[in-house]
Amino acid sequence: EMEALIASDLAFGPDGYLYFLSDAAPEEGGLEVSRVWRMKVWPDGRIG
């Protein structure tokens, strides 16, 4: 389990990153709208 990840529409990119939608703000006080995000996922389970 990738605990506490607030996301939807998960998809792998060819770059090995995991792409997803989230309405979290990228900075404190930022606008909360749905954006596309990505984070690295390694075969051993580490996540960036």
All heavy atoms as atom14 arrays in JSON, in Angstrom:
{
  "sequence": "EMEALIASDLAFGPDGYLYFLSDAAPEEGGLEVSRVWRMKVWPDGRIG",
  "atom14_mask": [
    [1, 1, 1, 1, 1, 1, 1, 1, 1, 0, 0, 0, 0, 0],
    [1, 1, 1, 1, 1, 1, 1, 1, 0, 0, 0, 0, 0, 0],
    [1, 1, 1, 1, 1, 1, 1, 1, 1, 0, 0, 0, 0, 0],
    [1, 1, 1, 1, 1, 0, 0, 0, 0, 0, 0, 0, 0, 0],
    [1, 1, 1, 1, 1, 1, 1, 1, 0, 0, 0, 0, 0, 0],
    [1, 1, 1, 1, 1, 1, 1, 1, 0, 0, 0, 0, 0, 0],
    [1, 1, 1, 1, 1, 0, 0, 0, 0, 0, 0, 0, 0, 0],
    [1, 1, 1, 1, 1, 1, 0, 0, 0, 0, 0, 0, 0, 0],
    [1, 1, 1, 1, 1, 1, 1, 1, 0, 0, 0, 0, 0, 0],
    [1, 1, 1, 1, 1, 1, 1, 1, 0, 0, 0, 0, 0, 0],
    [1, 1, 1, 1, 1, 0, 0, 0, 0, 0, 0, 0, 0, 0],
    [1, 1, 1, 1, 1, 1, 1, 1, 1, 1, 1, 0, 0, 0],
    [1, 1, 1, 1, 0, 0, 0, 0, 0, 0, 0, 0, 0, 0],
    [1, 1, 1, 1, 1, 1, 1, 0, 0, 0, 0, 0, 0, 0],
    [1, 1, 1, 1, 1, 1, 1, 1, 0, 0, 0, 0, 0, 0],
    [1, 1, 1, 1, 0, 0, 0, 0, 0, 0, 0, 0, 0, 0],
    [1, 1, 1, 1, 1, 1, 1, 1, 1, 1, 1, 1, 0, 0],
    [1, 1, 1, 1, 1, 1, 1, 1, 0, 0, 0, 0, 0, 0],
    [1, 1, 1, 1, 1, 1, 1, 1, 1, 1, 1, 1, 0, 0],
    [1, 1, 1, 1, 1, 1, 1, 1, 1, 1, 1, 0, 0, 0],
    [1, 1, 1, 1, 1, 1, 1, 1, 0, 0, 0, 0, 0, 0],
    [1, 1, 1, 1, 1, 1, 0, 0, 0, 0, 0, 0, 0, 0],
    [1, 1, 1, 1, 1, 1, 1, 1, 0, 0, 0, 0, 0, 0],
    [1, 1, 1, 1, 1, 0, 0, 0, 0, 0, 0, 0, 0, 0],
    [1, 1, 1, 1, 1, 0, 0, 0, 0, 0, 0, 0, 0, 0],
    [1, 1, 1, 1, 1, 1, 1, 0, 0, 0, 0, 0, 0, 0],
    [1, 1, 1, 1, 1, 1, 1, 1, 1, 0, 0, 0, 0, 0],
    [1, 1, 1, 1, 1, 1, 1, 1, 1, 0, 0, 0, 0, 0],
    [1, 1, 1, 1, 0, 0, 0, 0, 0, 0, 0, 0, 0, 0],
    [1, 1, 1, 1, 0, 0, 0, 0, 0, 0, 0, 0, 0, 0],
    [1, 1, 1, 1, 1, 1, 1, 1, 0, 0, 0, 0, 0, 0],
    [1, 1, 1, 1, 1, 1, 1, 1, 1, 0, 0, 0, 0, 0],
    [1, 1, 1, 1, 1, 1, 1, 0, 0, 0, 0, 0, 0, 0],
    [1, 1, 1, 1, 1, 1, 0, 0, 0, 0, 0, 0, 0, 0],
    [1, 1, 1, 1, 1, 1, 1, 1, 1, 1, 1, 0, 0, 0],
    [1, 1, 1, 1, 1, 1, 1, 0, 0, 0, 0, 0, 0, 0],
    [1, 1, 1, 1, 1, 1, 1, 1, 1, 1, 1, 1, 1, 1],
    [1, 1, 1, 1, 1, 1, 1, 1, 1, 1, 1, 0, 0, 0],
    [1, 1, 1, 1, 1, 1, 1, 1, 0, 0, 0, 0, 0, 0],
    [1, 1, 1, 1, 1, 1, 1, 1, 1, 0, 0, 0, 0, 0],
    [1, 1, 1, 1, 1, 1, 1, 0, 0, 0, 0, 0, 0, 0],
    [1, 1, 1, 1, 1, 1, 1, 1, 1, 1, 1, 1, 1, 1],
    [1, 1, 1, 1, 1, 1, 1, 0, 0, 0, 0, 0, 0, 0],
    [1, 1, 1, 1, 1, 1, 1, 1, 0, 0, 0, 0, 0, 0],
    [1, 1, 1, 1, 0, 0, 0, 0, 0, 0, 0, 0, 0, 0],
    [1, 1, 1, 1, 1, 1, 1, 1, 1, 1, 1, 0, 0, 0],
    [1, 1, 1, 1, 1, 1, 1, 1, 0, 0, 0, 0, 0, 0],
    [1, 1, 1, 1, 0, 0, 0, 0, 0, 0, 0, 0, 0, 0]
  ],
  "atom14_positions": [
    [[0.82, -1.2, 0.0], [0.0, 0.0, 0.0], [0.86, 1.26, 0.0], [1.84, 1.37, 0.74], [-0.93, 0.03, 1.21], [-1.85, 1.25, 1.19], [-2.8, 1.3, 2.38], [-2.78, 0.37, 3.19], [-3.56, 2.29, 2.48], [0.0, 0.0, 0.0], [0.0, 0.0, 0.0], [0.0, 0.0, 0.0], [0.0, 0.0, 0.0], [0.0, 0.0, 0.0]],
    [[0.49, 2.21, -0.85], [1.09, 3.53, -0.84], [0.25, 4.39, 0.08], [-0.7, 5.06, -0.34], [1.14, 4.1, -2.26], [2.02, 3.28, -3.2], [2.06, 3.91, -4.9], [0.45, 3.38, -5.49], [0.0, 0.0, 0.0], [0.0, 0.0, 0.0], [0.0, 0.0, 0.0], [0.0, 0.0, 0.0], [0.0, 0.0, 0.0], [0.0, 0.0, 0.0]],
    [[0.59, 4.37, 1.35], [-0.26, 4.95, 2.38], [-0.4, 6.46, 2.2], [0.56, 7.15, 1.88], [0.3, 4.64, 3.76], [0.09, 3.2, 4.19], [0.45, 2.99, 5.64], [1.05, 3.89, 6.24], [0.14, 1.9, 6.17], [0.0, 0.0, 0.0], [0.0, 0.0, 0.0], [0.0, 0.0, 0.0], [0.0, 0.0, 0.0], [0.0, 0.0, 0.0]],
    [[-1.63, 6.92, 2.45], [-1.94, 8.35, 2.55], [-1.82, 9.11, 1.24], [-1.84, 10.33, 1.23], [-1.08, 9.01, 3.62], [0.0, 0.0, 0.0], [0.0, 0.0, 0.0], [0.0, 0.0, 0.0], [0.0, 0.0, 0.0], [0.0, 0.0, 0.0], [0.0, 0.0, 0.0], [0.0, 0.0, 0.0], [0.0, 0.0, 0.0], [0.0, 0.0, 0.0]],
    [[-1.66, 8.42, 0.13], [-1.61, 9.11, -1.17], [-3.02, 9.54, -1.56], [-3.91, 8.71, -1.72], [-1.02, 8.18, -2.23], [-0.97, 8.73, -3.66], [-0.06, 9.95, -3.75], [-0.51, 7.65, -4.63], [0.0, 0.0, 0.0], [0.0, 0.0, 0.0], [0.0, 0.0, 0.0], [0.0, 0.0, 0.0], [0.0, 0.0, 0.0], [0.0, 0.0, 0.0]],
    [[-3.22, 10.84, -1.74], [-4.52, 11.38, -2.14], [-4.48, 11.55, -3.65], [-3.91, 12.51, -4.16], [-4.81, 12.72, -1.45], [-4.76, 12.55, 0.08], [-6.15, 13.27, -1.88], [-4.85, 13.85, 0.83], [0.0, 0.0, 0.0], [0.0, 0.0, 0.0], [0.0, 0.0, 0.0], [0.0, 0.0, 0.0], [0.0, 0.0, 0.0], [0.0, 0.0, 0.0]],
    [[-5.05, 10.6, -4.38], [-4.89, 10.6, -5.83], [-5.98, 9.78, -6.49], [-6.71, 9.03, -5.83], [-3.52, 10.05, -6.21], [0.0, 0.0, 0.0], [0.0, 0.0, 0.0], [0.0, 0.0, 0.0], [0.0, 0.0, 0.0], [0.0, 0.0, 0.0], [0.0, 0.0, 0.0], [0.0, 0.0, 0.0], [0.0, 0.0, 0.0], [0.0, 0.0, 0.0]],
    [[-6.07, 9.91, -7.8], [-6.96, 9.1, -8.62], [-6.34, 8.96, -9.99], [-5.35, 9.63, -10.32], [-8.36, 9.74, -8.73], [-8.29, 10.97, -9.43], [0.0, 0.0, 0.0], [0.0, 0.0, 0.0], [0.0, 0.0, 0.0], [0.0, 0.0, 0.0], [0.0, 0.0, 0.0], [0.0, 0.0, 0.0], [0.0, 0.0, 0.0], [0.0, 0.0, 0.0]],
    [[-6.9, 8.08, -10.82], [-6.48, 7.94, -12.22], [-4.98, 7.62, -12.33], [-4.26, 8.23, -13.12], [-6.82, 9.19, -13.02], [-8.3, 9.46, -13.08], [-8.9, 9.85, -12.06], [-8.89, 9.3, -14.16], [0.0, 0.0, 0.0], [0.0, 0.0, 0.0], [0.0, 0.0, 0.0], [0.0, 0.0, 0.0], [0.0, 0.0, 0.0], [0.0, 0.0, 0.0]],
    [[-4.52, 6.66, -11.59], [-3.1, 6.3, -11.61], [-2.72, 5.67, -12.95], [-3.46, 4.85, -13.49], [-2.77, 5.33, -10.48], [-2.53, 5.92, -9.08], [-3.76, 6.66, -8.56], [-2.12, 4.83, -8.1], [0.0, 0.0, 0.0], [0.0, 0.0, 0.0], [0.0, 0.0, 0.0], [0.0, 0.0, 0.0], [0.0, 0.0, 0.0], [0.0, 0.0, 0.0]],
    [[-1.56, 6.06, -13.48], [-1.08, 5.5, -14.75], [0.43, 5.58, -14.78], [1.03, 6.57, -14.33], [-1.67, 6.25, -15.93], [0.0, 0.0, 0.0], [0.0, 0.0, 0.0], [0.0, 0.0, 0.0], [0.0, 0.0, 0.0], [0.0, 0.0, 0.0], [0.0, 0.0, 0.0], [0.0, 0.0, 0.0], [0.0, 0.0, 0.0], [0.0, 0.0, 0.0]],
    [[1.07, 4.55, -15.33], [2.52, 4.57, -15.5], [2.89, 5.32, -16.77], [2.25, 5.16, -17.81], [3.08, 3.15, -15.58], [3.25, 2.48, -14.25], [2.35, 1.53, -13.82], [4.33, 2.8, -13.44], [2.52, 0.9, -12.6], [4.51, 2.18, -12.21], [3.6, 1.23, -11.78], [0.0, 0.0, 0.0], [0.0, 0.0, 0.0], [0.0, 0.0, 0.0]],
    [[3.96, 6.1, -16.69], [4.53, 6.71, -17.87], [5.71, 5.9, -18.37], [6.27, 5.08, -17.62], [0.0, 0.0, 0.0], [0.0, 0.0, 0.0], [0.0, 0.0, 0.0], [0.0, 0.0, 0.0], [0.0, 0.0, 0.0], [0.0, 0.0, 0.0], [0.0, 0.0, 0.0], [0.0, 0.0, 0.0], [0.0, 0.0, 0.0], [0.0, 0.0, 0.0]],
    [[6.12, 6.09, -19.61], [7.27, 5.35, -20.14], [8.57, 5.71, -19.45], [9.57, 5.0, -19.59], [7.28, 5.74, -21.62], [6.57, 7.05, -21.68], [5.53, 7.0, -20.61], [0.0, 0.0, 0.0], [0.0, 0.0, 0.0], [0.0, 0.0, 0.0], [0.0, 0.0, 0.0], [0.0, 0.0, 0.0], [0.0, 0.0, 0.0], [0.0, 0.0, 0.0]],
    [[8.59, 6.81, -18.68], [9.77, 7.23, -17.95], [9.92, 6.52, -16.61], [10.84, 6.81, -15.84], [9.76, 8.74, -17.73], [8.47, 9.24, -17.07], [7.66, 8.4, -16.65], [8.28, 10.47, -16.99], [0.0, 0.0, 0.0], [0.0, 0.0, 0.0], [0.0, 0.0, 0.0], [0.0, 0.0, 0.0], [0.0, 0.0, 0.0], [0.0, 0.0, 0.0]],
    [[8.98, 5.59, -16.31], [9.04, 4.87, -15.05], [8.35, 5.57, -13.91], [8.26, 5.03, -12.8], [0.0, 0.0, 0.0], [0.0, 0.0, 0.0], [0.0, 0.0, 0.0], [0.0, 0.0, 0.0], [0.0, 0.0, 0.0], [0.0, 0.0, 0.0], [0.0, 0.0, 0.0], [0.0, 0.0, 0.0], [0.0, 0.0, 0.0], [0.0, 0.0, 0.0]],
    [[7.86, 6.77, -14.15], [7.14, 7.51, -13.12], [5.68, 7.06, -13.06], [5.12, 6.58, -14.05], [7.19, 9.01, -13.38], [8.48, 9.68, -13.0], [9.63, 9.52, -13.76], [8.56, 10.5, -11.88], [10.82, 10.14, -13.42], [9.74, 11.14, -11.53], [10.87, 10.95, -12.3], [12.04, 11.57, -11.95], [0.0, 0.0, 0.0], [0.0, 0.0, 0.0]],
    [[5.08, 7.27, -11.9], [3.65, 7.04, -11.72], [2.96, 8.39, -11.82], [3.23, 9.31, -11.03], [3.38, 6.39, -10.37], [1.92, 6.04, -10.07], [1.43, 4.96, -11.03], [1.76, 5.58, -8.62], [0.0, 0.0, 0.0], [0.0, 0.0, 0.0], [0.0, 0.0, 0.0], [0.0, 0.0, 0.0], [0.0, 0.0, 0.0], [0.0, 0.0, 0.0]],
    [[2.04, 8.52, -12.78], [1.29, 9.75, -12.99], [-0.1, 9.59, -12.37], [-0.66, 8.49, -12.36], [1.16, 10.05, -14.48], [2.45, 10.49, -15.15], [3.5, 9.59, -15.36], [2.62, 11.8, -15.58], [4.68, 9.99, -15.97], [3.8, 12.21, -16.2], [4.82, 11.3, -16.39], [5.98, 11.7, -17.0], [0.0, 0.0, 0.0], [0.0, 0.0, 0.0]],
    [[-0.67, 10.69, -11.9], [-1.98, 10.62, -11.27], [-2.6, 12.01, -11.17], [-1.92, 13.03, -11.38], [-1.87, 10.0, -9.87], [-0.87, 10.67, -8.95], [-1.25, 11.73, -8.13], [0.45, 10.23, -8.91], [-0.33, 12.35, -7.3], [1.37, 10.84, -8.07], [0.98, 11.9, -7.26], [0.0, 0.0, 0.0], [0.0, 0.0, 0.0], [0.0, 0.0, 0.0]],
    [[-3.88, 12.04, -10.85], [-4.6, 13.29, -10.59], [-4.71, 13.5, -9.1], [-4.93, 12.55, -8.33], [-6.0, 13.26, -11.2], [-6.14, 13.29, -12.71], [-7.63, 13.25, -13.1], [-5.5, 14.54, -13.3], [0.0, 0.0, 0.0], [0.0, 0.0, 0.0], [0.0, 0.0, 0.0], [0.0, 0.0, 0.0], [0.0, 0.0, 0.0], [0.0, 0.0, 0.0]],
    [[-4.59, 14.75, -8.67], [-4.84, 15.13, -7.28], [-5.22, 16.6, -7.24], [-4.69, 17.41, -8.03], [-3.62, 14.88, -6.41], [-3.86, 15.32, -5.07], [0.0, 0.0, 0.0], [0.0, 0.0, 0.0], [0.0, 0.0, 0.0], [0.0, 0.0, 0.0], [0.0, 0.0, 0.0], [0.0, 0.0, 0.0], [0.0, 0.0, 0.0], [0.0, 0.0, 0.0]],
    [[-6.14, 16.95, -6.34], [-6.53, 18.35, -6.2], [-5.78, 19.03, -5.05], [-6.17, 20.1, -4.59], [-8.04, 18.5, -6.02], [-8.56, 17.79, -4.8], [-7.77, 17.2, -4.05], [-9.8, 17.81, -4.59], [0.0, 0.0, 0.0], [0.0, 0.0, 0.0], [0.0, 0.0, 0.0], [0.0, 0.0, 0.0], [0.0, 0.0, 0.0], [0.0, 0.0, 0.0]],
    [[-4.72, 18.4, -4.57], [-3.89, 19.04, -3.55], [-3.18, 20.25, -4.13], [-2.86, 20.3, -5.32], [-2.87, 18.04, -3.01], [0.0, 0.0, 0.0], [0.0, 0.0, 0.0], [0.0, 0.0, 0.0], [0.0, 0.0, 0.0], [0.0, 0.0, 0.0], [0.0, 0.0, 0.0], [0.0, 0.0, 0.0], [0.0, 0.0, 0.0], [0.0, 0.0, 0.0]],
    [[-2.91, 21.24, -3.28], [-2.17, 22.42, -3.7], [-0.68, 22.16, -3.62], [-0.21, 21.53, -2.67], [-2.55, 23.61, -2.82], [0.0, 0.0, 0.0], [0.0, 0.0, 0.0], [0.0, 0.0, 0.0], [0.0, 0.0, 0.0], [0.0, 0.0, 0.0], [0.0, 0.0, 0.0], [0.0, 0.0, 0.0], [0.0, 0.0, 0.0], [0.0, 0.0, 0.0]],
    [[0.1, 22.63, -4.59], [1.54, 22.38, -4.56], [2.28, 23.19, -3.5], [3.43, 22.89, -3.19], [2.0, 22.74, -5.97], [0.97, 23.68, -6.47], [-0.32, 23.28, -5.83], [0.0, 0.0, 0.0], [0.0, 0.0, 0.0], [0.0, 0.0, 0.0], [0.0, 0.0, 0.0], [0.0, 0.0, 0.0], [0.0, 0.0, 0.0], [0.0, 0.0, 0.0]],
    [[1.63, 24.25, -3.0], [2.27, 25.03, -1.96], [1.21, 25.5, -0.98], [0.02, 25.51, -1.28], [3.03, 26.23, -2.53], [2.15, 27.3, -3.17], [1.69, 26.93, -4.57], [2.47, 26.3, -5.29], [0.55, 27.29, -4.91], [0.0, 0.0, 0.0], [0.0, 0.0, 0.0], [0.0, 0.0, 0.0], [0.0, 0.0, 0.0], [0.0, 0.0, 0.0]],
    [[1.64, 25.88, 0.21], [0.74, 26.34, 1.26], [-0.11, 27.49, 0.76], [0.4, 28.48, 0.22], [1.56, 26.77, 2.48], [0.71, 27.11, 3.69], [0.14, 25.87, 4.36], [0.81, 24.82, 4.34], [-0.99, 25.95, 4.87], [0.0, 0.0, 0.0], [0.0, 0.0, 0.0], [0.0, 0.0, 0.0], [0.0, 0.0, 0.0], [0.0, 0.0, 0.0]],
    [[-1.43, 27.35, 0.92], [-2.35, 28.42, 0.51], [-2.65, 28.44, -0.97], [-3.35, 29.34, -1.44], [0.0, 0.0, 0.0], [0.0, 0.0, 0.0], [0.0, 0.0, 0.0], [0.0, 0.0, 0.0], [0.0, 0.0, 0.0], [0.0, 0.0, 0.0], [0.0, 0.0, 0.0], [0.0, 0.0, 0.0], [0.0, 0.0, 0.0], [0.0, 0.0, 0.0]],
    [[-2.13, 27.47, -1.73], [-2.36, 27.44, -3.16], [-3.76, 27.01, -3.54], [-4.53, 26.52, -2.71], [0.0, 0.0, 0.0], [0.0, 0.0, 0.0], [0.0, 0.0, 0.0], [0.0, 0.0, 0.0], [0.0, 0.0, 0.0], [0.0, 0.0, 0.0], [0.0, 0.0, 0.0], [0.0, 0.0, 0.0], [0.0, 0.0, 0.0], [0.0, 0.0, 0.0]],
    [[-4.09, 27.2, -4.8], [-5.41, 26.85, -5.31], [-5.57, 25.34, -5.37], [-4.7, 24.64, -5.92], [-5.6, 27.45, -6.7], [-6.97, 27.25, -7.37], [-8.07, 27.95, -6.58], [-6.93, 27.77, -8.81], [0.0, 0.0, 0.0], [0.0, 0.0, 0.0], [0.0, 0.0, 0.0], [0.0, 0.0, 0.0], [0.0, 0.0, 0.0], [0.0, 0.0, 0.0]],
    [[-6.64, 24.83, -4.8], [-6.9, 23.4, -4.81], [-7.78, 23.04, -5.99], [-9.0, 23.11, -5.93], [-7.55, 22.96, -3.49], [-6.62, 23.11, -2.29], [-7.2, 22.54, -1.01], [-8.33, 22.01, -1.05], [-6.55, 22.64, 0.03], [0.0, 0.0, 0.0], [0.0, 0.0, 0.0], [0.0, 0.0, 0.0], [0.0, 0.0, 0.0], [0.0, 0.0, 0.0]],
    [[-7.16, 22.7, -7.09], [-7.84, 22.21, -8.29], [-7.14, 20.93, -8.72], [-6.0, 20.65, -8.33], [-7.82, 23.24, -9.43], [-8.61, 24.48, -9.06], [-6.39, 23.6, -9.82], [0.0, 0.0, 0.0], [0.0, 0.0, 0.0], [0.0, 0.0, 0.0], [0.0, 0.0, 0.0], [0.0, 0.0, 0.0], [0.0, 0.0, 0.0], [0.0, 0.0, 0.0]],
    [[-7.81, 20.16, -9.53], [-7.25, 18.88, -9.98], [-6.11, 19.13, -10.97], [-6.3, 19.79, -12.0], [-8.34, 18.03, -10.63], [-7.82, 16.82, -11.08], [0.0, 0.0, 0.0], [0.0, 0.0, 0.0], [0.0, 0.0, 0.0], [0.0, 0.0, 0.0], [0.0, 0.0, 0.0], [0.0, 0.0, 0.0], [0.0, 0.0, 0.0], [0.0, 0.0, 0.0]],
    [[-4.94, 18.6, -10.64], [-3.75, 18.7, -11.48], [-3.22, 17.31, -11.78], [-3.55, 16.35, -11.1], [-2.65, 19.51, -10.78], [-3.01, 20.94, -10.45], [-1.87, 21.59, -9.65], [-2.1, 23.01, -9.42], [-2.79, 23.51, -8.4], [-3.32, 22.69, -7.5], [-2.94, 24.81, -8.27], [0.0, 0.0, 0.0], [0.0, 0.0, 0.0], [0.0, 0.0, 0.0]],
    [[-2.35, 17.24, -12.8], [-1.62, 16.01, -13.07], [-0.28, 16.08, -12.33], [0.44, 17.09, -12.42], [-1.37, 15.79, -14.57], [-0.62, 14.48, -14.81], [-2.68, 15.79, -15.35], [0.0, 0.0, 0.0], [0.0, 0.0, 0.0], [0.0, 0.0, 0.0], [0.0, 0.0, 0.0], [0.0, 0.0, 0.0], [0.0, 0.0, 0.0], [0.0, 0.0, 0.0]],
    [[0.04, 15.0, -11.6], [1.29, 14.89, -10.87], [2.01, 13.62, -11.32], [1.43, 12.76, -11.99], [1.03, 14.77, -9.36], [0.32, 15.93, -8.74], [-1.0, 16.27, -8.86], [0.89, 16.89, -7.84], [-1.29, 17.38, -8.1], [-0.15, 17.78, -7.46], [2.17, 17.07, -7.3], [0.06, 18.84, -6.59], [2.38, 18.13, -6.43], [1.34, 19.01, -6.08]],
    [[3.28, 13.53, -10.92], [4.01, 12.28, -11.11], [4.98, 12.09, -9.95], [5.38, 13.04, -9.27], [4.77, 12.28, -12.44], [5.99, 13.19, -12.46], [6.86, 12.95, -13.68], [8.12, 13.7, -13.58], [9.19, 13.51, -14.33], [9.16, 12.57, -15.27], [10.29, 14.22, -14.16], [0.0, 0.0, 0.0], [0.0, 0.0, 0.0], [0.0, 0.0, 0.0]],
    [[5.33, 10.83, -9.71], [6.4, 10.53, -8.77], [7.05, 9.22, -9.17], [6.42, 8.34, -9.76], [5.89, 10.48, -7.32], [4.86, 9.44, -7.02], [4.26, 9.64, -5.32], [3.16, 8.22, -5.22], [0.0, 0.0, 0.0], [0.0, 0.0, 0.0], [0.0, 0.0, 0.0], [0.0, 0.0, 0.0], [0.0, 0.0, 0.0], [0.0, 0.0, 0.0]],
    [[8.32, 9.1, -8.86], [9.1, 7.95, -9.26], [8.7, 6.73, -8.43], [8.43, 6.82, -7.23], [10.6, 8.24, -9.04], [11.53, 7.17, -9.61], [11.54, 7.18, -11.13], [12.58, 6.2, -11.68], [12.55, 6.15, -13.15], [0.0, 0.0, 0.0], [0.0, 0.0, 0.0], [0.0, 0.0, 0.0], [0.0, 0.0, 0.0], [0.0, 0.0, 0.0]],
    [[8.62, 5.58, -9.1], [8.35, 4.31, -8.42], [9.43, 3.33, -8.86], [9.59, 3.06, -10.05], [6.96, 3.76, -8.79], [6.69, 2.45, -8.08], [5.87, 4.77, -8.42], [0.0, 0.0, 0.0], [0.0, 0.0, 0.0], [0.0, 0.0, 0.0], [0.0, 0.0, 0.0], [0.0, 0.0, 0.0], [0.0, 0.0, 0.0], [0.0, 0.0, 0.0]],
    [[10.18, 2.79, -7.89], [11.24, 1.85, -8.2], [10.76, 0.42, -7.99], [9.83, 0.16, -7.21], [12.45, 2.11, -7.31], [13.25, 3.29, -7.73], [14.27, 3.33, -8.63], [13.11, 4.63, -7.24], [14.78, 4.61, -8.75], [14.08, 5.43, -7.9], [12.26, 5.25, -6.32], [14.22, 6.79, -7.66], [12.4, 6.61, -6.09], [13.38, 7.36, -6.74]],
    [[11.38, -0.54, -8.67], [10.95, -1.94, -8.53], [11.0, -2.46, -7.1], [10.24, -3.37, -6.74], [11.95, -2.7, -9.43], [12.38, -1.69, -10.44], [12.42, -0.38, -9.7], [0.0, 0.0, 0.0], [0.0, 0.0, 0.0], [0.0, 0.0, 0.0], [0.0, 0.0, 0.0], [0.0, 0.0, 0.0], [0.0, 0.0, 0.0], [0.0, 0.0, 0.0]],
    [[11.9, -1.9, -6.27], [11.99, -2.39, -4.9], [10.97, -1.74, -3.97], [10.97, -1.98, -2.77], [13.4, -2.18, -4.34], [13.8, -0.71, -4.27], [12.95, 0.16, -4.6], [14.95, -0.42, -3.89], [0.0, 0.0, 0.0], [0.0, 0.0, 0.0], [0.0, 0.0, 0.0], [0.0, 0.0, 0.0], [0.0, 0.0, 0.0], [0.0, 0.0, 0.0]],
    [[10.08, -0.91, -4.54], [9.02, -0.33, -3.74], [9.27, 1.08, -3.26], [8.37, 1.71, -2.71], [0.0, 0.0, 0.0], [0.0, 0.0, 0.0], [0.0, 0.0, 0.0], [0.0, 0.0, 0.0], [0.0, 0.0, 0.0], [0.0, 0.0, 0.0], [0.0, 0.0, 0.0], [0.0, 0.0, 0.0], [0.0, 0.0, 0.0], [0.0, 0.0, 0.0]],
    [[10.48, 1.61, -3.48], [10.73, 2.99, -3.08], [9.96, 3.94, -3.99], [9.81, 3.7, -5.17], [12.22, 3.3, -3.14], [13.04, 2.6, -2.07], [14.52, 2.92, -2.21], [15.07, 2.43, -3.47], [15.65, 3.2, -4.39], [15.73, 4.51, -4.19], [16.13, 2.68, -5.5], [0.0, 0.0, 0.0], [0.0, 0.0, 0.0], [0.0, 0.0, 0.0]],
    [[9.5, 5.02, -3.38], [8.69, 6.0, -4.1], [9.24, 7.39, -3.85], [9.63, 7.73, -2.73], [7.22, 5.91, -3.66], [6.64, 4.57, -4.09], [6.39, 7.04, -4.27], [5.23, 4.34, -3.65], [0.0, 0.0, 0.0], [0.0, 0.0, 0.0], [0.0, 0.0, 0.0], [0.0, 0.0, 0.0], [0.0, 0.0, 0.0], [0.0, 0.0, 0.0]],
    [[9.3, 8.2, -4.9], [9.93, 9.51, -4.81], [8.99, 10.63, -4.44], [7.89, 10.42, -3.93], [0.0, 0.0, 0.0], [0.0, 0.0, 0.0], [0.0, 0.0, 0.0], [0.0, 0.0, 0.0], [0.0, 0.0, 0.0], [0.0, 0.0, 0.0], [0.0, 0.0, 0.0], [0.0, 0.0, 0.0], [0.0, 0.0, 0.0], [0.0, 0.0, 0.0]]
  ]
}
